[in-house]
């Protein structure tokens, strides 16, 4: 290529280069303008997104419609909850703040009494001396079922101001008490405690007076008469030394003339007299000791010899005891006898 062709080619190249530069500049400007427009669009989009996101974030009205089941609270009731302070205060309140009753907890039949500890219960449960056995129950079931005394252990029937026979007629086996106001009381004003054994209309009664006497009666086709029972106290009585008369004396002071009476009305005379006038009163029995009918009895007398001899003695209704006659002398005359007033 000659120089003119080269120069021509170079000019043509420069023209193309400048043309390309113009196209590049135009393209560059277009790209810048497009980038700027795109940036504006992106910024506007971002602002819009940020605004929507912020609005969404600040939306507390559950925009996604989340349910309590989805967050694991399906069993939670939608009610106002207490604060921690309120909860702690309620938790520490030991005075039944909910006013729970024993019926609400299934204890409405339980009495408000102190219960035994488990140790006390076990000790009691193991105590065989406090628990009823089957043998005990059998024994009790076969025991006497009819009460003859009061629950306090006193007599069952109090007969003050009542008729003893009327009250006991159908009382069967029972205990009773009488006093001075009781009709048909066997010992008058003396209180009596007794036992009746029997059935309706038929019985045996034993009563013990507070004066030491004992009485019995029988009910069969009506009541019999009261009968007093003899005891050892009835067999003893007091001996009284007689006041002698008509020159009669007690024999040497060792066998004084004495008299006494037992509860049955038997009068006893004992002892020996001496030196008095024959057929005269030796002494006089006081009232209550005298026989209802005069009588005589034979006794012994002596003058000191070994030969036996007798004396005849009388006791009159006036109580006069007389040595009527003697076989020997009057130095020793026995006056031993018993009679009923």
Protein backbone atom coordinates (compact mmCIF):
# COMPACT_ATOMS: atom_id res chain seq x y z
CA UNK A 1 0.00 0.00 0.00
CA UNK A 2 1.30 3.46 -0.94
CA UNK A 3 1.35 6.25 1.48
CA UNK A 4 -1.70 7.95 0.08
CA UNK A 5 -3.72 4.75 0.53
CA UNK A 6 -2.36 4.36 4.00
CA UNK A 7 -3.27 7.90 4.91
CA UNK A 8 -6.72 7.39 3.42
CA UNK A 9 -7.15 4.19 5.35
CA UNK A 10 -5.98 5.92 8.53
CA UNK A 11 -8.48 8.75 8.07
CA UNK A 12 -11.18 6.21 7.46
CA UNK A 13 -10.16 4.40 10.63
CA UNK A 14 -10.18 7.67 12.58
CA UNK A 15 -13.63 8.40 11.24
CA UNK A 16 -14.80 4.96 12.39
CA UNK A 17 -13.08 5.39 15.72
CA UNK A 18 -14.73 8.78 16.27
CA UNK A 19 -18.02 7.30 15.17
CA UNK A 20 -17.52 4.51 17.66
CA UNK A 21 -16.59 7.03 20.32
CA UNK A 22 -19.80 8.95 19.64
CA UNK A 23 -21.82 5.74 19.81
CA UNK A 24 -20.01 4.73 23.02
CA UNK A 25 -20.64 8.12 24.57
CA UNK A 26 -24.30 7.94 23.61
CA UNK A 27 -24.50 4.38 24.91
CA UNK A 28 -22.73 5.34 28.12
CA UNK A 29 -25.13 8.23 28.68
CA UNK A 30 -28.06 5.93 28.04
CA UNK A 31 -26.69 3.40 30.47
CA UNK A 32 -26.10 6.09 33.13
CA UNK A 33 -29.60 7.43 32.62
CA UNK A 34 -31.02 3.91 32.76
CA UNK A 35 -28.95 3.09 35.86
CA UNK A 36 -30.16 6.25 37.52
CA UNK A 37 -33.76 5.46 36.66
CA UNK A 38 -33.28 1.87 37.86
CA UNK A 39 -31.69 3.10 41.07
CA UNK A 40 -34.61 5.41 41.63
CA UNK A 41 -37.01 2.51 41.05
CA UNK A 42 -35.04 0.24 43.39
CA UNK A 43 -34.91 2.93 46.09
CA UNK A 44 -38.59 3.57 45.67
CA UNK A 45 -39.28 -0.17 45.85
CA UNK A 46 -37.08 -0.56 48.90
CA UNK A 47 -38.74 2.36 50.62
CA UNK A 48 -42.10 0.87 49.86
CA UNK A 49 -40.98 -2.56 51.08
CA UNK A 50 -39.43 -1.09 54.19
CA UNK A 51 -42.61 0.84 54.87
CA UNK A 52 -44.74 -2.26 54.40
CA UNK A 53 -42.34 -4.34 56.48
CA UNK A 54 -42.36 -1.76 59.23
CA UNK A 55 -46.13 -1.62 59.07
CA UNK A 56 -46.25 -5.41 59.20
CA UNK A 57 -43.77 -5.58 62.03
CA UNK A 58 -45.68 -2.97 64.01
CA UNK A 59 -48.97 -4.77 63.38
CA UNK A 60 -49.89 -6.45 66.77
CA UNK A 61 -53.27 -7.67 65.55
CA UNK A 62 -51.94 -11.11 64.54
CA UNK A 63 -51.82 -10.45 60.74
CA UNK A 64 -50.87 -14.07 60.10
CA UNK A 65 -53.89 -15.36 62.13
CA UNK A 66 -51.66 -17.48 64.38
CA UNK A 67 -53.76 -19.69 66.72
CA UNK A 68 -53.04 -20.71 70.38
CA UNK A 69 -52.81 -24.31 69.21
CA UNK A 70 -50.01 -23.36 66.74
CA UNK A 71 -48.01 -21.82 69.61
CA UNK A 72 -48.62 -24.78 71.95
CA UNK A 73 -51.24 -23.13 74.21
CA UNK A 74 -54.35 -25.03 73.22
CA UNK A 75 -55.25 -25.77 76.86
CA UNK A 76 -54.83 -22.20 78.06
CA UNK A 77 -58.06 -20.33 78.89
CA UNK A 78 -58.34 -16.77 77.58
CA UNK A 79 -58.51 -15.08 80.98
CA UNK A 80 -56.66 -12.29 82.70
CA UNK A 81 -53.55 -13.57 84.42
CA UNK A 82 -52.29 -12.43 87.80
CA UNK A 83 -49.08 -10.54 88.12
CA UNK A 84 -46.05 -12.26 89.60
CA UNK A 85 -46.50 -10.25 92.78
CA UNK A 86 -50.18 -11.13 92.97
CA UNK A 87 -49.40 -14.77 92.26
CA UNK A 88 -46.71 -14.92 94.96
CA UNK A 89 -49.02 -13.23 97.46
CA UNK A 90 -51.79 -15.67 96.64
CA UNK A 91 -49.41 -18.65 96.81
CA UNK A 92 -48.20 -17.64 100.29
CA UNK A 93 -51.74 -17.11 101.65
CA UNK A 94 -52.39 -20.02 104.08
CA UNK A 95 -55.82 -18.82 105.21
CA UNK A 96 -57.89 -20.61 102.58
CA UNK A 97 -58.32 -17.65 100.17
CA UNK A 98 -60.64 -19.70 97.95
CA UNK A 99 -62.95 -20.52 100.88
CA UNK A 100 -62.71 -24.23 100.17
CA UNK A 101 -65.17 -26.27 102.28
CA UNK A 102 -64.69 -29.79 103.60
CA UNK A 103 -67.61 -30.92 101.41
CA UNK A 104 -65.77 -29.69 98.31
CA UNK A 105 -62.77 -31.87 99.14
CA UNK A 106 -64.93 -34.89 100.03
CA UNK A 107 -64.64 -34.58 103.83
CA UNK A 108 -68.14 -33.41 104.75
CA UNK A 109 -68.68 -36.51 106.95
CA UNK A 110 -65.43 -36.03 108.89
CA UNK A 111 -65.66 -34.41 112.35
CA UNK A 112 -63.18 -31.70 113.23
CA UNK A 113 -61.30 -33.68 115.85
CA UNK A 114 -57.66 -34.42 116.31
CA UNK A 115 -56.44 -37.55 114.56
CA UNK A 116 -53.89 -40.00 115.86
CA UNK A 117 -50.48 -40.12 114.30
CA UNK A 118 -49.53 -43.15 112.20
CA UNK A 119 -47.22 -44.31 114.99
CA UNK A 120 -50.02 -43.98 117.58
CA UNK A 121 -52.44 -45.80 115.30
CA UNK A 122 -50.01 -48.66 114.70
CA UNK A 123 -49.35 -48.97 118.43
CA UNK A 124 -53.08 -49.06 119.14
CA UNK A 125 -53.76 -51.47 116.31
CA UNK A 126 -51.19 -53.87 117.71
CA UNK A 127 -52.65 -53.73 121.23
CA UNK A 128 -54.56 -57.01 121.63
CA UNK A 129 -55.84 -55.98 125.07
CA UNK A 130 -58.05 -53.23 123.61
CA UNK A 131 -59.75 -55.01 120.76
CA UNK A 132 -62.75 -57.26 120.84
CA UNK A 133 -62.14 -60.77 119.61
CA UNK A 134 -64.64 -63.23 118.20
CA UNK A 135 -64.49 -65.17 121.47
CA UNK A 136 -65.31 -61.95 123.35
CA UNK A 137 -68.33 -61.31 121.14
CA UNK A 138 -69.56 -64.89 121.58
CA UNK A 139 -69.18 -64.58 125.34
CA UNK A 140 -71.07 -61.28 125.44
CA UNK A 141 -73.81 -62.53 123.12
CA UNK A 142 -74.37 -65.48 125.46
CA UNK A 143 -74.36 -63.28 128.57
CA UNK A 144 -77.29 -62.01 130.64
CA UNK A 145 -79.45 -59.70 128.52
CA UNK A 146 -81.87 -58.46 131.20
CA UNK A 147 -80.68 -55.60 133.39
CA UNK A 148 -81.25 -55.87 137.14
CA UNK A 149 -79.56 -52.56 138.03
CA UNK A 150 -79.40 -49.05 136.65
CA UNK A 151 -76.66 -48.01 134.22
CA UNK A 152 -74.82 -46.35 137.11
CA UNK A 153 -74.80 -49.58 139.13
CA UNK A 154 -77.47 -48.39 141.58
CA UNK A 155 -80.78 -50.15 142.26
CA UNK A 156 -83.10 -50.41 139.27
CA UNK A 157 -86.36 -49.53 141.06
CA UNK A 158 -86.75 -46.64 143.48
CA UNK A 159 -89.90 -47.24 145.56
CA UNK A 160 -90.14 -43.99 147.51
CA UNK A 161 -93.82 -42.97 147.85
CA UNK A 162 -94.86 -46.22 146.13
CA UNK A 163 -96.36 -49.56 147.15
CA UNK A 164 -93.63 -52.20 147.29
CA UNK A 165 -95.94 -55.10 146.46
CA UNK A 166 -97.57 -53.29 143.52
CA UNK A 167 -94.25 -52.25 141.99
CA UNK A 168 -92.59 -55.68 142.36
CA UNK A 169 -95.55 -57.81 141.21
CA UNK A 170 -94.48 -57.77 137.54
CA UNK A 171 -90.93 -56.45 137.91
CA UNK A 172 -89.43 -59.93 137.44
CA UNK A 173 -85.78 -60.19 138.51
CA UNK A 174 -84.70 -56.77 139.70
CA UNK A 175 -83.08 -54.70 142.44
CA UNK A 176 -84.97 -52.10 144.48
CA UNK A 177 -84.78 -49.50 147.25
CA UNK A 178 -87.41 -48.50 149.85
CA UNK A 179 -87.60 -45.86 152.56
CA UNK A 180 -90.02 -44.60 155.20
CA UNK A 181 -92.48 -43.42 152.49
CA UNK A 182 -92.79 -46.89 150.91
CA UNK A 183 -96.00 -48.79 151.60
CA UNK A 184 -95.51 -52.45 152.73
CA UNK A 185 -91.92 -51.76 153.73
CA UNK A 186 -91.22 -54.69 156.10
CA UNK A 187 -89.35 -52.72 158.74
CA UNK A 188 -91.37 -49.53 158.93
CA UNK A 189 -89.19 -46.45 158.59
CA UNK A 190 -85.97 -48.37 158.00
CA UNK A 191 -84.60 -48.10 154.45
CA UNK A 192 -84.30 -51.38 152.59
CA UNK A 193 -82.20 -52.48 149.65
CA UNK A 194 -83.25 -55.72 148.05
CA UNK A 195 -83.30 -58.24 145.22
CA UNK A 196 -86.30 -59.93 143.62
CA UNK A 197 -85.84 -63.13 141.62
CA UNK A 198 -88.77 -64.42 139.59
CA UNK A 199 -91.35 -63.79 136.91
CA UNK A 200 -94.65 -61.96 136.60
CA UNK A 201 -96.71 -62.73 139.71
CA UNK A 202 -94.26 -65.30 141.10
CA UNK A 203 -91.06 -64.35 142.88
CA UNK A 204 -88.84 -64.51 145.92
CA UNK A 205 -87.70 -61.28 147.55
CA UNK A 206 -84.76 -60.65 149.84
CA UNK A 207 -84.37 -57.25 151.51
CA UNK A 208 -81.60 -55.89 153.72
CA UNK A 209 -82.34 -52.98 156.04
CA UNK A 210 -79.81 -50.33 156.96
CA UNK A 211 -80.34 -51.33 160.61
CA UNK A 212 -78.72 -54.70 159.87
CA UNK A 213 -81.94 -56.73 159.61
CA UNK A 214 -82.70 -59.12 156.74
CA UNK A 215 -86.19 -59.88 155.42
CA UNK A 216 -87.75 -62.19 152.87
CA UNK A 217 -91.11 -62.58 151.20
CA UNK A 218 -92.78 -64.82 148.62
CA UNK A 219 -95.15 -63.84 145.81
CA UNK A 220 -97.37 -66.69 144.62
CA UNK A 221 -101.12 -66.13 144.25
CA UNK A 222 -100.54 -62.85 146.07
CA UNK A 223 -97.95 -61.73 148.57
CA UNK A 224 -97.16 -63.56 151.81
CA UNK A 225 -96.19 -61.88 155.09
CA UNK A 226 -92.68 -60.56 155.58
CA UNK A 227 -90.40 -62.85 157.58
CA UNK A 228 -87.29 -61.66 159.34
CA UNK A 229 -84.17 -63.84 159.07
CA UNK A 230 -82.06 -64.56 162.16
CA UNK A 231 -78.38 -63.68 162.15
CA UNK A 232 -75.59 -63.93 164.69
CA UNK A 233 -76.32 -60.46 166.06
CA UNK A 234 -79.84 -61.60 166.97
CA UNK A 235 -78.46 -64.45 169.09
CA UNK A 236 -76.59 -62.13 171.39
CA UNK A 237 -78.21 -59.87 174.02
CA UNK A 238 -77.33 -57.87 177.11
CA UNK A 239 -77.33 -59.43 180.58
CA UNK A 240 -78.72 -57.17 183.31
CA UNK A 241 -77.85 -57.71 186.98
CA UNK A 242 -81.05 -57.94 189.07
CA UNK A 243 -81.71 -55.73 192.10
CA UNK A 244 -82.47 -58.26 194.86
CA UNK A 245 -85.13 -57.85 197.57
CA UNK A 246 -86.21 -59.28 200.94
CA UNK A 247 -82.71 -60.02 202.16
CA UNK A 248 -81.72 -62.05 199.15
CA UNK A 249 -78.13 -61.60 198.02
CA UNK A 250 -76.07 -62.59 194.99
CA UNK A 251 -74.15 -65.77 195.72
CA UNK A 252 -70.56 -64.76 196.57
CA UNK A 253 -70.49 -62.27 193.67
CA UNK A 254 -69.46 -64.94 191.15
CA UNK A 255 -72.89 -66.11 190.02
CA UNK A 256 -74.97 -62.93 190.22
CA UNK A 257 -78.65 -63.18 189.44
CA UNK A 258 -79.07 -61.71 185.93
CA UNK A 259 -81.71 -61.49 183.22
CA UNK A 260 -81.83 -60.71 179.49
CA UNK A 261 -84.08 -60.95 176.41
CA UNK A 262 -83.33 -61.90 172.80
CA UNK A 263 -84.94 -60.50 169.65
CA UNK A 264 -87.55 -63.30 169.60
CA UNK A 265 -88.86 -62.30 173.04
CA UNK A 266 -87.23 -65.15 174.98
CA UNK A 267 -86.35 -64.04 178.52
CA UNK A 268 -83.37 -65.68 180.20
CA UNK A 269 -82.73 -65.74 183.98
CA UNK A 270 -79.51 -67.13 185.49
CA UNK A 271 -77.43 -67.09 188.62
CA UNK A 272 -77.85 -67.99 192.31
CA UNK A 273 -79.27 -66.17 195.35
CA UNK A 274 -78.78 -66.78 199.08
CA UNK A 275 -79.88 -65.87 202.62
CA UNK A 276 -83.28 -64.39 201.77
CA UNK A 277 -86.66 -65.17 203.26
CA UNK A 278 -88.33 -68.20 201.70
CA UNK A 279 -91.60 -67.51 199.83
CA UNK A 280 -90.65 -63.91 199.25
CA UNK A 281 -89.77 -62.08 196.02
CA UNK A 282 -86.09 -62.34 195.06
CA UNK A 283 -86.39 -59.53 192.46
CA UNK A 284 -88.86 -58.02 189.98
CA UNK A 285 -88.45 -58.15 186.19
CA UNK A 286 -88.99 -54.81 184.44
CA UNK A 287 -91.76 -54.22 181.90
CA UNK A 288 -91.06 -56.01 178.60
CA UNK A 289 -89.45 -58.94 180.40
CA UNK A 290 -92.59 -60.32 182.06
CA UNK A 291 -94.48 -63.49 181.04
CA UNK A 292 -98.01 -63.26 179.69
CA UNK A 293 -98.97 -66.12 182.05
CA UNK A 294 -97.57 -67.01 185.47
CA UNK A 295 -95.56 -70.24 185.77
CA UNK A 296 -93.42 -72.27 188.18
CA UNK A 297 -90.17 -74.14 187.64
CA UNK A 298 -87.93 -76.43 189.70
CA UNK A 299 -84.30 -75.60 190.35
CA UNK A 300 -81.55 -76.79 192.65
CA UNK A 301 -80.45 -75.56 196.05
CA UNK A 302 -77.81 -76.59 198.55
CA UNK A 303 -76.65 -76.19 202.14
CA UNK A 304 -73.13 -77.19 201.27
CA UNK A 305 -73.61 -80.96 201.47
CA UNK A 306 -73.19 -83.24 198.47
CA UNK A 307 -76.78 -84.45 198.63
CA UNK A 308 -78.98 -83.02 195.83
CA UNK A 309 -81.97 -80.90 196.78
CA UNK A 310 -84.54 -78.85 194.90
CA UNK A 311 -86.32 -75.52 195.11
CA UNK A 312 -89.63 -74.34 193.64
CA UNK A 313 -89.65 -70.91 192.04
CA UNK A 314 -92.48 -68.89 190.50
CA UNK A 315 -92.55 -66.04 187.97
CA UNK A 316 -95.71 -63.90 187.92
CA UNK A 317 -97.21 -61.68 185.24
CA UNK A 318 -96.11 -58.67 187.30
CA UNK A 319 -92.50 -59.85 186.86
CA UNK A 320 -92.07 -60.95 190.50
CA UNK A 321 -89.62 -63.87 190.85
CA UNK A 322 -90.31 -65.76 194.12
CA UNK A 323 -88.47 -68.68 195.74
CA UNK A 324 -91.54 -70.39 197.15
CA UNK A 325 -89.88 -73.37 198.85
CA UNK A 326 -86.56 -75.15 199.23
CA UNK A 327 -85.75 -78.72 200.13
CA UNK A 328 -82.57 -77.73 201.92
CA UNK A 329 -81.47 -74.37 203.26
CA UNK A 330 -81.37 -70.98 201.59
CA UNK A 331 -77.61 -70.56 201.39
CA UNK A 332 -77.57 -71.40 197.65
CA UNK A 333 -80.59 -71.37 195.32
CA UNK A 334 -80.30 -71.46 191.51
CA UNK A 335 -82.83 -69.38 189.52
CA UNK A 336 -82.00 -70.58 185.96
CA UNK A 337 -84.94 -70.55 183.52
CA UNK A 338 -86.13 -69.46 180.05
CA UNK A 339 -89.62 -68.28 179.04
CA UNK A 340 -91.35 -66.36 176.26
CA UNK A 341 -92.93 -62.98 176.89
